[in-house]
Amino acid sequence: MDNLDRSVVAKMVKSFIEATEEVIGTTAQTKVEARTKAATIIEHSNIQGDAAGALSFIGDYSGQFILVFSKASILEITGNMLYAPHSYKNHRDPDVEGAIGEITNQVAGRARMSVSEKLGWKASNGIPSVIVGENIRWTIYGAGAVIVHVPFATPDFHEMYLQVAITSHPAIGPISI
């Protein structure tokens, strides 16, 4: 077998979507909504945004996920998360970078638990990477990954998105759908 059923990929990605909504909703008191009708499967990922948190996972399945934020979205989320008495103005603030890392780590943990419950597959997380800048752009993921791109919006309609790349499963090897 050289491919993974779309329904299995959908269950895995849904775990990351739900974890993102739950973590940001609970930890940052910010209700973000996935725009799942706008979700797409893409071949190559060119990340564009102002801040991001990324984390790899390996085990029964392997891959990476990344949360990419506009400056406005991460400032809104961080302000709510830290009950800031003032609005954050700089997304390069250590508090904002810390919030990105913490959100990324929590989303990974919750998604990993959900995949384990739904599919019985286990994986370990790497260490979150945090990237900040102005209109940062980079290419991520190797050839052959199944990449699902899911846009989100904050209550103030600021943009962010999630990308989940699933690269392999030991029982079936490289993944394609």
N, C-alpha and C. Protein backbone atom coordinates (compact mmCIF):
# COMPACT_ATOMS: atom_id res chain seq x y z
N MET A 1 0.86 -1.18 0.00
CA MET A 1 0.00 0.00 0.00
C MET A 1 0.90 1.23 0.00
N ASP A 2 0.69 2.14 -0.94
CA ASP A 2 1.56 3.30 -1.02
C ASP A 2 0.83 4.60 -0.77
N ASN A 3 -0.37 4.53 -0.27
CA ASN A 3 -1.05 5.78 0.05
C ASN A 3 -1.89 5.64 1.31
N LEU A 4 -2.31 6.75 1.80
CA LEU A 4 -3.09 6.81 3.02
C LEU A 4 -4.48 7.30 2.66
N ASP A 5 -5.48 6.63 3.14
CA ASP A 5 -6.87 6.98 2.86
C ASP A 5 -7.15 8.43 3.27
N ARG A 6 -7.88 9.15 2.43
CA ARG A 6 -8.23 10.55 2.72
C ARG A 6 -8.94 10.70 4.06
N SER A 7 -9.76 9.72 4.44
CA SER A 7 -10.49 9.83 5.70
C SER A 7 -9.54 9.80 6.89
N VAL A 8 -8.44 9.05 6.77
CA VAL A 8 -7.45 9.02 7.85
C VAL A 8 -6.73 10.36 7.93
N VAL A 9 -6.34 10.90 6.78
CA VAL A 9 -5.70 12.22 6.76
C VAL A 9 -6.66 13.25 7.36
N ALA A 10 -7.94 13.17 6.98
CA ALA A 10 -8.94 14.12 7.50
C ALA A 10 -9.04 14.03 9.02
N LYS A 11 -9.02 12.82 9.58
CA LYS A 11 -9.09 12.65 11.03
C LYS A 11 -7.86 13.26 11.70
N MET A 12 -6.70 13.07 11.08
CA MET A 12 -5.48 13.62 11.66
C MET A 12 -5.52 15.15 11.64
N VAL A 13 -5.88 15.71 10.50
CA VAL A 13 -5.93 17.17 10.37
C VAL A 13 -7.01 17.75 11.28
N LYS A 14 -8.14 17.08 11.38
CA LYS A 14 -9.21 17.55 12.28
C LYS A 14 -8.71 17.61 13.72
N SER A 15 -7.86 16.68 14.10
CA SER A 15 -7.28 16.71 15.44
C SER A 15 -6.48 17.99 15.66
N PHE A 16 -5.73 18.43 14.65
CA PHE A 16 -4.94 19.66 14.77
C PHE A 16 -5.84 20.90 14.76
N ILE A 17 -6.89 20.87 13.95
CA ILE A 17 -7.84 22.00 13.92
C ILE A 17 -8.50 22.15 15.29
N GLU A 18 -9.04 21.06 15.81
CA GLU A 18 -9.71 21.10 17.11
C GLU A 18 -8.75 21.53 18.21
N ALA A 19 -7.53 21.03 18.17
CA ALA A 19 -6.54 21.40 19.19
C ALA A 19 -6.22 22.89 19.12
N THR A 20 -6.10 23.43 17.90
CA THR A 20 -5.82 24.86 17.73
C THR A 20 -6.96 25.69 18.31
N GLU A 21 -8.19 25.35 17.96
CA GLU A 21 -9.34 26.10 18.48
C GLU A 21 -9.43 25.99 20.00
N GLU A 22 -9.21 24.79 20.53
CA GLU A 22 -9.32 24.58 21.97
C GLU A 22 -8.21 25.30 22.74
N VAL A 23 -6.98 25.17 22.30
CA VAL A 23 -5.86 25.79 23.02
C VAL A 23 -5.97 27.30 23.00
N ILE A 24 -6.20 27.87 21.84
CA ILE A 24 -6.28 29.34 21.77
C ILE A 24 -7.53 29.83 22.49
N GLY A 25 -8.62 29.07 22.40
CA GLY A 25 -9.84 29.45 23.10
C GLY A 25 -9.70 29.40 24.60
N THR A 26 -9.02 28.38 25.10
CA THR A 26 -8.88 28.19 26.54
C THR A 26 -7.71 29.00 27.11
N THR A 27 -6.55 28.81 26.53
CA THR A 27 -5.33 29.43 27.05
C THR A 27 -5.30 30.93 26.79
N ALA A 28 -5.79 31.35 25.63
CA ALA A 28 -5.71 32.76 25.26
C ALA A 28 -7.07 33.46 25.28
N GLN A 29 -8.10 32.77 25.75
CA GLN A 29 -9.44 33.36 25.80
C GLN A 29 -9.79 34.08 24.50
N THR A 30 -9.43 33.46 23.38
CA THR A 30 -9.69 34.03 22.06
C THR A 30 -10.32 32.95 21.20
N LYS A 31 -11.54 33.17 20.78
CA LYS A 31 -12.23 32.18 19.97
C LYS A 31 -11.80 32.34 18.51
N VAL A 32 -10.96 31.41 18.07
CA VAL A 32 -10.58 31.40 16.65
C VAL A 32 -11.42 30.34 15.96
N GLU A 33 -11.76 30.60 14.72
CA GLU A 33 -12.56 29.65 13.97
C GLU A 33 -11.86 29.23 12.71
N ALA A 34 -11.79 27.92 12.53
CA ALA A 34 -11.22 27.39 11.30
C ALA A 34 -12.21 27.63 10.18
N ARG A 35 -11.72 28.07 9.06
CA ARG A 35 -12.56 28.22 7.87
C ARG A 35 -12.34 26.97 7.02
N THR A 36 -12.94 25.87 7.49
CA THR A 36 -12.66 24.56 6.88
C THR A 36 -13.12 24.47 5.43
N LYS A 37 -14.10 25.25 5.03
CA LYS A 37 -14.53 25.23 3.63
C LYS A 37 -13.44 25.82 2.72
N ALA A 38 -12.53 26.59 3.30
CA ALA A 38 -11.43 27.18 2.54
C ALA A 38 -10.14 26.36 2.67
N ALA A 39 -10.21 25.23 3.39
CA ALA A 39 -9.02 24.37 3.54
C ALA A 39 -8.65 23.77 2.20
N THR A 40 -7.34 23.61 1.98
CA THR A 40 -6.86 23.05 0.73
C THR A 40 -5.73 22.06 0.98
N ILE A 41 -5.60 21.11 0.07
CA ILE A 41 -4.44 20.22 0.06
C ILE A 41 -3.48 20.83 -0.93
N ILE A 42 -2.24 21.03 -0.48
CA ILE A 42 -1.25 21.67 -1.34
C ILE A 42 -0.03 20.77 -1.49
N GLU A 43 0.68 20.94 -2.59
CA GLU A 43 1.88 20.14 -2.83
C GLU A 43 3.12 20.73 -2.20
N HIS A 44 3.25 22.05 -2.26
CA HIS A 44 4.43 22.73 -1.73
C HIS A 44 3.94 23.84 -0.81
N SER A 45 4.66 24.04 0.25
CA SER A 45 4.25 25.04 1.22
C SER A 45 5.22 26.20 1.22
N ASN A 46 4.70 27.34 0.88
CA ASN A 46 5.45 28.59 0.99
C ASN A 46 4.78 29.41 2.08
N ILE A 47 5.39 29.44 3.24
CA ILE A 47 4.82 30.11 4.39
C ILE A 47 4.97 31.62 4.22
N GLN A 48 3.89 32.34 4.54
CA GLN A 48 3.92 33.80 4.52
C GLN A 48 3.19 34.31 5.75
N GLY A 49 3.84 35.18 6.50
CA GLY A 49 3.21 35.74 7.69
C GLY A 49 4.21 36.57 8.46
N ASP A 50 3.85 36.95 9.66
CA ASP A 50 4.72 37.78 10.49
C ASP A 50 5.28 37.01 11.68
N ALA A 51 4.67 35.90 12.03
CA ALA A 51 5.14 35.10 13.16
C ALA A 51 4.64 33.67 12.98
N ALA A 52 5.40 32.71 13.48
CA ALA A 52 5.00 31.31 13.33
C ALA A 52 5.58 30.46 14.45
N GLY A 53 4.87 29.39 14.72
CA GLY A 53 5.35 28.35 15.62
C GLY A 53 5.27 27.04 14.87
N ALA A 54 6.35 26.29 14.84
CA ALA A 54 6.40 25.03 14.10
C ALA A 54 6.90 23.93 15.02
N LEU A 55 6.44 22.71 14.74
CA LEU A 55 6.86 21.57 15.54
C LEU A 55 6.77 20.31 14.70
N SER A 56 7.79 19.46 14.80
CA SER A 56 7.80 18.18 14.09
C SER A 56 7.32 17.08 15.02
N PHE A 57 6.82 16.00 14.43
CA PHE A 57 6.43 14.84 15.21
C PHE A 57 6.90 13.59 14.48
N ILE A 58 7.23 12.57 15.27
CA ILE A 58 7.72 11.32 14.69
C ILE A 58 7.25 10.17 15.57
N GLY A 59 6.97 9.06 14.95
CA GLY A 59 6.49 7.88 15.66
C GLY A 59 5.75 6.98 14.70
N ASP A 60 4.53 6.60 15.06
CA ASP A 60 3.72 5.79 14.16
C ASP A 60 3.39 6.55 12.88
N TYR A 61 3.45 7.86 12.94
CA TYR A 61 3.29 8.74 11.78
C TYR A 61 4.29 9.86 11.95
N SER A 62 4.68 10.48 10.88
CA SER A 62 5.68 11.55 10.95
C SER A 62 5.20 12.76 10.16
N GLY A 63 5.71 13.90 10.54
CA GLY A 63 5.35 15.12 9.82
C GLY A 63 5.69 16.35 10.63
N GLN A 64 4.98 17.41 10.31
CA GLN A 64 5.22 18.69 10.95
C GLN A 64 3.95 19.52 10.86
N PHE A 65 3.77 20.39 11.83
CA PHE A 65 2.68 21.36 11.69
C PHE A 65 3.24 22.73 12.02
N ILE A 66 2.57 23.72 11.48
CA ILE A 66 2.99 25.09 11.70
C ILE A 66 1.77 25.97 11.85
N LEU A 67 1.81 26.87 12.81
CA LEU A 67 0.80 27.89 12.99
C LEU A 67 1.42 29.20 12.54
N VAL A 68 0.80 29.87 11.60
CA VAL A 68 1.34 31.12 11.06
C VAL A 68 0.36 32.24 11.38
N PHE A 69 0.89 33.32 11.92
CA PHE A 69 0.06 34.44 12.39
C PHE A 69 0.40 35.72 11.65
N SER A 70 -0.62 36.54 11.40
CA SER A 70 -0.35 37.92 11.02
C SER A 70 0.08 38.62 12.31
N LYS A 71 0.73 39.75 12.17
CA LYS A 71 1.15 40.51 13.35
C LYS A 71 -0.07 40.84 14.22
N ALA A 72 -1.14 41.30 13.59
CA ALA A 72 -2.34 41.69 14.34
C ALA A 72 -2.94 40.51 15.10
N SER A 73 -2.96 39.32 14.48
CA SER A 73 -3.58 38.17 15.15
C SER A 73 -2.78 37.74 16.38
N ILE A 74 -1.45 37.68 16.26
CA ILE A 74 -0.67 37.21 17.41
C ILE A 74 -0.65 38.25 18.52
N LEU A 75 -0.72 39.53 18.18
CA LEU A 75 -0.79 40.55 19.22
C LEU A 75 -2.13 40.47 19.96
N GLU A 76 -3.22 40.24 19.22
CA GLU A 76 -4.54 40.08 19.84
C GLU A 76 -4.55 38.85 20.75
N ILE A 77 -4.05 37.73 20.25
CA ILE A 77 -4.04 36.48 21.02
C ILE A 77 -3.16 36.60 22.26
N THR A 78 -1.96 37.16 22.12
CA THR A 78 -1.05 37.30 23.27
C THR A 78 -1.62 38.22 24.33
N GLY A 79 -2.20 39.34 23.92
CA GLY A 79 -2.80 40.27 24.87
C GLY A 79 -3.87 39.59 25.70
N ASN A 80 -4.71 38.78 25.05
CA ASN A 80 -5.76 38.05 25.76
C ASN A 80 -5.17 36.95 26.65
N MET A 81 -4.16 36.27 26.14
CA MET A 81 -3.55 35.15 26.86
C MET A 81 -2.90 35.61 28.16
N LEU A 82 -2.25 36.77 28.12
CA LEU A 82 -1.51 37.25 29.28
C LEU A 82 -2.28 38.29 30.09
N TYR A 83 -3.57 38.45 29.78
CA TYR A 83 -4.40 39.44 30.47
C TYR A 83 -3.68 40.78 30.53
N ALA A 84 -3.10 41.19 29.42
CA ALA A 84 -2.29 42.39 29.38
C ALA A 84 -3.15 43.64 29.63
N PRO A 85 -2.68 44.52 30.52
CA PRO A 85 -3.43 45.75 30.77
C PRO A 85 -3.28 46.74 29.62
N HIS A 86 -2.37 46.46 28.72
CA HIS A 86 -2.13 47.32 27.56
C HIS A 86 -2.05 46.43 26.31
N SER A 87 -2.23 46.99 25.16
CA SER A 87 -2.11 46.22 23.93
C SER A 87 -0.64 46.05 23.57
N TYR A 88 -0.29 44.86 23.14
CA TYR A 88 1.06 44.65 22.63
C TYR A 88 1.17 45.33 21.28
N LYS A 89 2.30 45.96 21.03
CA LYS A 89 2.52 46.68 19.77
C LYS A 89 3.56 46.00 18.91
N ASN A 90 4.44 45.20 19.55
CA ASN A 90 5.57 44.61 18.83
C ASN A 90 5.50 43.09 18.94
N HIS A 91 5.38 42.42 17.81
CA HIS A 91 5.30 40.97 17.83
C HIS A 91 6.65 40.32 18.11
N ARG A 92 7.71 41.11 18.20
CA ARG A 92 9.04 40.59 18.56
C ARG A 92 9.28 40.67 20.07
N ASP A 93 8.30 41.08 20.79
CA ASP A 93 8.37 41.15 22.25
C ASP A 93 8.58 39.73 22.79
N PRO A 94 9.44 39.56 23.80
CA PRO A 94 9.67 38.22 24.36
C PRO A 94 8.39 37.55 24.86
N ASP A 95 7.43 38.33 25.38
CA ASP A 95 6.15 37.75 25.81
C ASP A 95 5.41 37.13 24.63
N VAL A 96 5.43 37.80 23.49
CA VAL A 96 4.73 37.31 22.30
C VAL A 96 5.42 36.05 21.78
N GLU A 97 6.73 36.08 21.72
CA GLU A 97 7.47 34.90 21.28
C GLU A 97 7.22 33.72 22.21
N GLY A 98 7.18 33.98 23.50
CA GLY A 98 6.88 32.92 24.47
C GLY A 98 5.47 32.37 24.28
N ALA A 99 4.52 33.25 24.01
CA ALA A 99 3.14 32.82 23.78
C ALA A 99 3.05 31.92 22.55
N ILE A 100 3.77 32.27 21.50
CA ILE A 100 3.76 31.45 20.28
C ILE A 100 4.30 30.05 20.59
N GLY A 101 5.41 29.99 21.30
CA GLY A 101 5.99 28.69 21.66
C GLY A 101 5.06 27.86 22.52
N GLU A 102 4.43 28.50 23.49
CA GLU A 102 3.52 27.78 24.39
C GLU A 102 2.29 27.28 23.65
N ILE A 103 1.71 28.11 22.80
CA ILE A 103 0.53 27.70 22.01
C ILE A 103 0.91 26.53 21.11
N THR A 104 2.05 26.63 20.44
CA THR A 104 2.50 25.57 19.53
C THR A 104 2.67 24.26 20.29
N ASN A 105 3.31 24.31 21.44
CA ASN A 105 3.54 23.11 22.23
C ASN A 105 2.22 22.49 22.71
N GLN A 106 1.30 23.32 23.18
CA GLN A 106 0.02 22.80 23.66
C GLN A 106 -0.83 22.22 22.53
N VAL A 107 -0.84 22.89 21.37
CA VAL A 107 -1.60 22.36 20.23
C VAL A 107 -1.03 20.99 19.84
N ALA A 108 0.29 20.88 19.80
CA ALA A 108 0.91 19.60 19.43
C ALA A 108 0.51 18.50 20.41
N GLY A 109 0.56 18.79 21.68
CA GLY A 109 0.21 17.78 22.69
C GLY A 109 -1.24 17.34 22.59
N ARG A 110 -2.13 18.28 22.42
CA ARG A 110 -3.56 17.93 22.33
C ARG A 110 -3.86 17.20 21.04
N ALA A 111 -3.27 17.64 19.94
CA ALA A 111 -3.51 16.96 18.66
C ALA A 111 -2.96 15.54 18.71
N ARG A 112 -1.78 15.38 19.27
CA ARG A 112 -1.17 14.05 19.39
C ARG A 112 -2.06 13.11 20.20
N MET A 113 -2.62 13.59 21.30
CA MET A 113 -3.54 12.78 22.11
C MET A 113 -4.77 12.40 21.30
N SER A 114 -5.30 13.34 20.55
CA SER A 114 -6.50 13.10 19.76
C SER A 114 -6.24 12.06 18.66
N VAL A 115 -5.10 12.17 17.97
CA VAL A 115 -4.76 11.18 16.94
C VAL A 115 -4.63 9.80 17.58
N SER A 116 -4.05 9.74 18.75
CA SER A 116 -3.90 8.47 19.44
C SER A 116 -5.27 7.87 19.78
N GLU A 117 -6.19 8.72 20.26
CA GLU A 117 -7.54 8.24 20.60
C GLU A 117 -8.32 7.80 19.37
N LYS A 118 -8.22 8.56 18.27
CA LYS A 118 -9.00 8.27 17.07
C LYS A 118 -8.44 7.13 16.24
N LEU A 119 -7.10 7.06 16.15
CA LEU A 119 -6.48 6.11 15.24
C LEU A 119 -5.57 5.09 15.92
N GLY A 120 -5.26 5.32 17.19
CA GLY A 120 -4.38 4.42 17.90
C GLY A 120 -2.91 4.62 17.56
N TRP A 121 -2.58 5.70 16.87
CA TRP A 121 -1.20 5.97 16.48
C TRP A 121 -0.55 6.91 17.49
N LYS A 122 0.69 6.64 17.79
CA LYS A 122 1.42 7.45 18.76
C LYS A 122 2.59 8.14 18.08
N ALA A 123 2.94 9.30 18.58
CA ALA A 123 4.09 10.05 18.07
C ALA A 123 4.65 10.92 19.19
N SER A 124 5.89 11.30 19.04
CA SER A 124 6.54 12.22 19.97
C SER A 124 6.76 13.55 19.27
N ASN A 125 6.68 14.60 20.05
CA ASN A 125 6.91 15.94 19.52
C ASN A 125 8.37 16.32 19.63
N GLY A 126 8.80 17.16 18.72
CA GLY A 126 10.09 17.80 18.84
C GLY A 126 9.94 19.03 19.73
N ILE A 127 10.89 19.93 19.64
CA ILE A 127 10.86 21.18 20.39
C ILE A 127 10.29 22.25 19.47
N PRO A 128 9.35 23.08 19.96
CA PRO A 128 8.77 24.10 19.09
C PRO A 128 9.82 25.11 18.62
N SER A 129 9.67 25.52 17.38
CA SER A 129 10.49 26.61 16.82
C SER A 129 9.59 27.81 16.67
N VAL A 130 10.09 28.98 17.02
CA VAL A 130 9.35 30.22 16.89
C VAL A 130 10.12 31.13 15.93
N ILE A 131 9.38 31.68 14.97
CA ILE A 131 9.98 32.55 13.97
C ILE A 131 9.16 33.83 13.94
N VAL A 132 9.82 34.98 14.03
CA VAL A 132 9.12 36.26 13.93
C VAL A 132 9.87 37.17 12.97
N GLY A 133 9.14 38.05 12.34
CA GLY A 133 9.73 39.00 11.40
C GLY A 133 8.63 39.83 10.77
N GLU A 134 8.94 40.47 9.69
CA GLU A 134 7.97 41.25 8.93
C GLU A 134 7.79 40.57 7.59
N ASN A 135 6.58 40.15 7.30
CA ASN A 135 6.29 39.48 6.02
C ASN A 135 7.30 38.39 5.71
N ILE A 136 7.53 37.52 6.68
CA ILE A 136 8.49 36.44 6.47
C ILE A 136 7.96 35.45 5.45
N ARG A 137 8.85 34.90 4.67
CA ARG A 137 8.49 33.92 3.66
C ARG A 137 9.56 32.85 3.65
N TRP A 138 9.14 31.60 3.65
CA TRP A 138 10.08 30.52 3.51
C TRP A 138 9.35 29.28 3.04
N THR A 139 10.10 28.36 2.51
CA THR A 139 9.54 27.10 2.05
C THR A 139 9.84 26.05 3.09
N ILE A 140 8.86 25.22 3.37
CA ILE A 140 9.01 24.23 4.40
C ILE A 140 8.43 22.91 3.91
N TYR A 141 8.86 21.82 4.46
CA TYR A 141 8.44 20.45 4.16
C TYR A 141 9.15 19.92 2.92
N GLY A 142 9.44 18.65 2.98
CA GLY A 142 10.08 17.98 1.87
C GLY A 142 9.08 17.53 0.82
N ALA A 143 9.61 17.11 -0.29
CA ALA A 143 8.76 16.61 -1.37
C ALA A 143 8.01 15.37 -0.89
N GLY A 144 6.80 15.22 -1.36
CA GLY A 144 6.01 14.03 -1.05
C GLY A 144 5.13 14.15 0.16
N ALA A 145 5.21 15.23 0.92
CA ALA A 145 4.35 15.38 2.09
C ALA A 145 2.94 15.71 1.65
N VAL A 146 1.96 15.20 2.39
CA VAL A 146 0.58 15.63 2.23
C VAL A 146 0.44 16.85 3.13
N ILE A 147 0.15 18.01 2.56
CA ILE A 147 0.08 19.25 3.32
C ILE A 147 -1.35 19.79 3.23
N VAL A 148 -1.95 20.01 4.38
CA VAL A 148 -3.29 20.58 4.41
C VAL A 148 -3.18 21.97 5.03
N HIS A 149 -3.71 22.95 4.32
CA HIS A 149 -3.66 24.36 4.70
C HIS A 149 -5.06 24.77 5.17
N VAL A 150 -5.18 25.25 6.41
CA VAL A 150 -6.47 25.62 6.99
C VAL A 150 -6.40 27.05 7.52
N PRO A 151 -7.14 27.99 6.90
CA PRO A 151 -7.15 29.36 7.41
C PRO A 151 -8.06 29.49 8.64
N PHE A 152 -7.71 30.42 9.51
CA PHE A 152 -8.49 30.74 10.71
C PHE A 152 -8.67 32.25 10.76
N ALA A 153 -9.65 32.69 11.55
CA ALA A 153 -9.83 34.11 11.81
C ALA A 153 -10.06 34.30 13.31
N THR A 154 -9.54 35.40 13.85
CA THR A 154 -9.75 35.75 15.25
C THR A 154 -11.06 36.54 15.36
N PRO A 155 -11.52 36.82 16.58
CA PRO A 155 -12.75 37.61 16.73
C PRO A 155 -12.67 38.98 16.06
N ASP A 156 -11.47 39.55 15.99
CA ASP A 156 -11.30 40.85 15.34
C ASP A 156 -10.96 40.69 13.85
N PHE A 157 -11.20 39.50 13.32
CA PHE A 157 -10.99 39.18 11.90
C PHE A 157 -9.54 39.28 11.44
N HIS A 158 -8.64 39.01 12.35
CA HIS A 158 -7.23 38.94 11.98
C HIS A 158 -6.94 37.53 11.49
N GLU A 159 -6.03 37.43 10.55
CA GLU A 159 -5.75 36.17 9.88
C GLU A 159 -4.65 35.36 10.56
N MET A 160 -4.82 34.07 10.53
CA MET A 160 -3.79 33.12 10.90
C MET A 160 -4.12 31.83 10.15
N TYR A 161 -3.18 30.92 10.08
CA TYR A 161 -3.50 29.64 9.47
C TYR A 161 -2.64 28.54 10.04
N LEU A 162 -3.13 27.34 9.81
CA LEU A 162 -2.49 26.11 10.25
C LEU A 162 -2.13 25.31 9.01
N GLN A 163 -0.95 24.74 9.01
CA GLN A 163 -0.60 23.77 7.98
C GLN A 163 -0.12 22.51 8.68
N VAL A 164 -0.66 21.39 8.24
CA VAL A 164 -0.25 20.09 8.77
C VAL A 164 0.34 19.31 7.60
N ALA A 165 1.57 18.86 7.77
CA ALA A 165 2.24 18.06 6.75
C ALA A 165 2.47 16.67 7.32
N ILE A 166 1.94 15.68 6.65
CA ILE A 166 2.12 14.30 7.07
C ILE A 166 3.02 13.65 6.03
N THR A 167 4.18 13.17 6.47
CA THR A 167 5.17 12.70 5.51
C THR A 167 5.28 11.19 5.40
N SER A 168 5.04 10.47 6.50
CA SER A 168 5.18 9.02 6.40
C SER A 168 4.49 8.31 7.53
N HIS A 169 4.28 7.02 7.29
CA HIS A 169 3.75 6.12 8.30
C HIS A 169 4.55 4.83 8.16
N PRO A 170 5.13 4.32 9.25
CA PRO A 170 6.01 3.14 9.11
C PRO A 170 5.38 1.94 8.42
N ALA A 171 4.08 1.72 8.58
CA ALA A 171 3.46 0.55 7.98
C ALA A 171 3.28 0.68 6.47
N ILE A 172 3.20 1.94 6.00
CA ILE A 172 2.93 2.12 4.57
C ILE A 172 4.00 2.95 3.86
N GLY A 173 4.95 3.50 4.60
CA GLY A 173 6.01 4.28 3.99
C GLY A 173 5.57 5.70 3.69
N PRO A 174 6.16 6.30 2.65
CA PRO A 174 5.81 7.68 2.29
C PRO A 174 4.31 7.78 1.98
N ILE A 175 3.74 8.90 2.35
CA ILE A 175 2.31 9.09 2.23
C ILE A 175 1.98 9.94 1.01
N SER A 176 0.96 9.53 0.29
CA SER A 176 0.34 10.35 -0.73
C SER A 176 -1.14 10.03 -0.73
N ILE A 177 -1.94 10.99 -1.18
CA ILE A 177 -3.38 10.72 -1.26
C ILE A 177 -3.88 11.09 -2.63
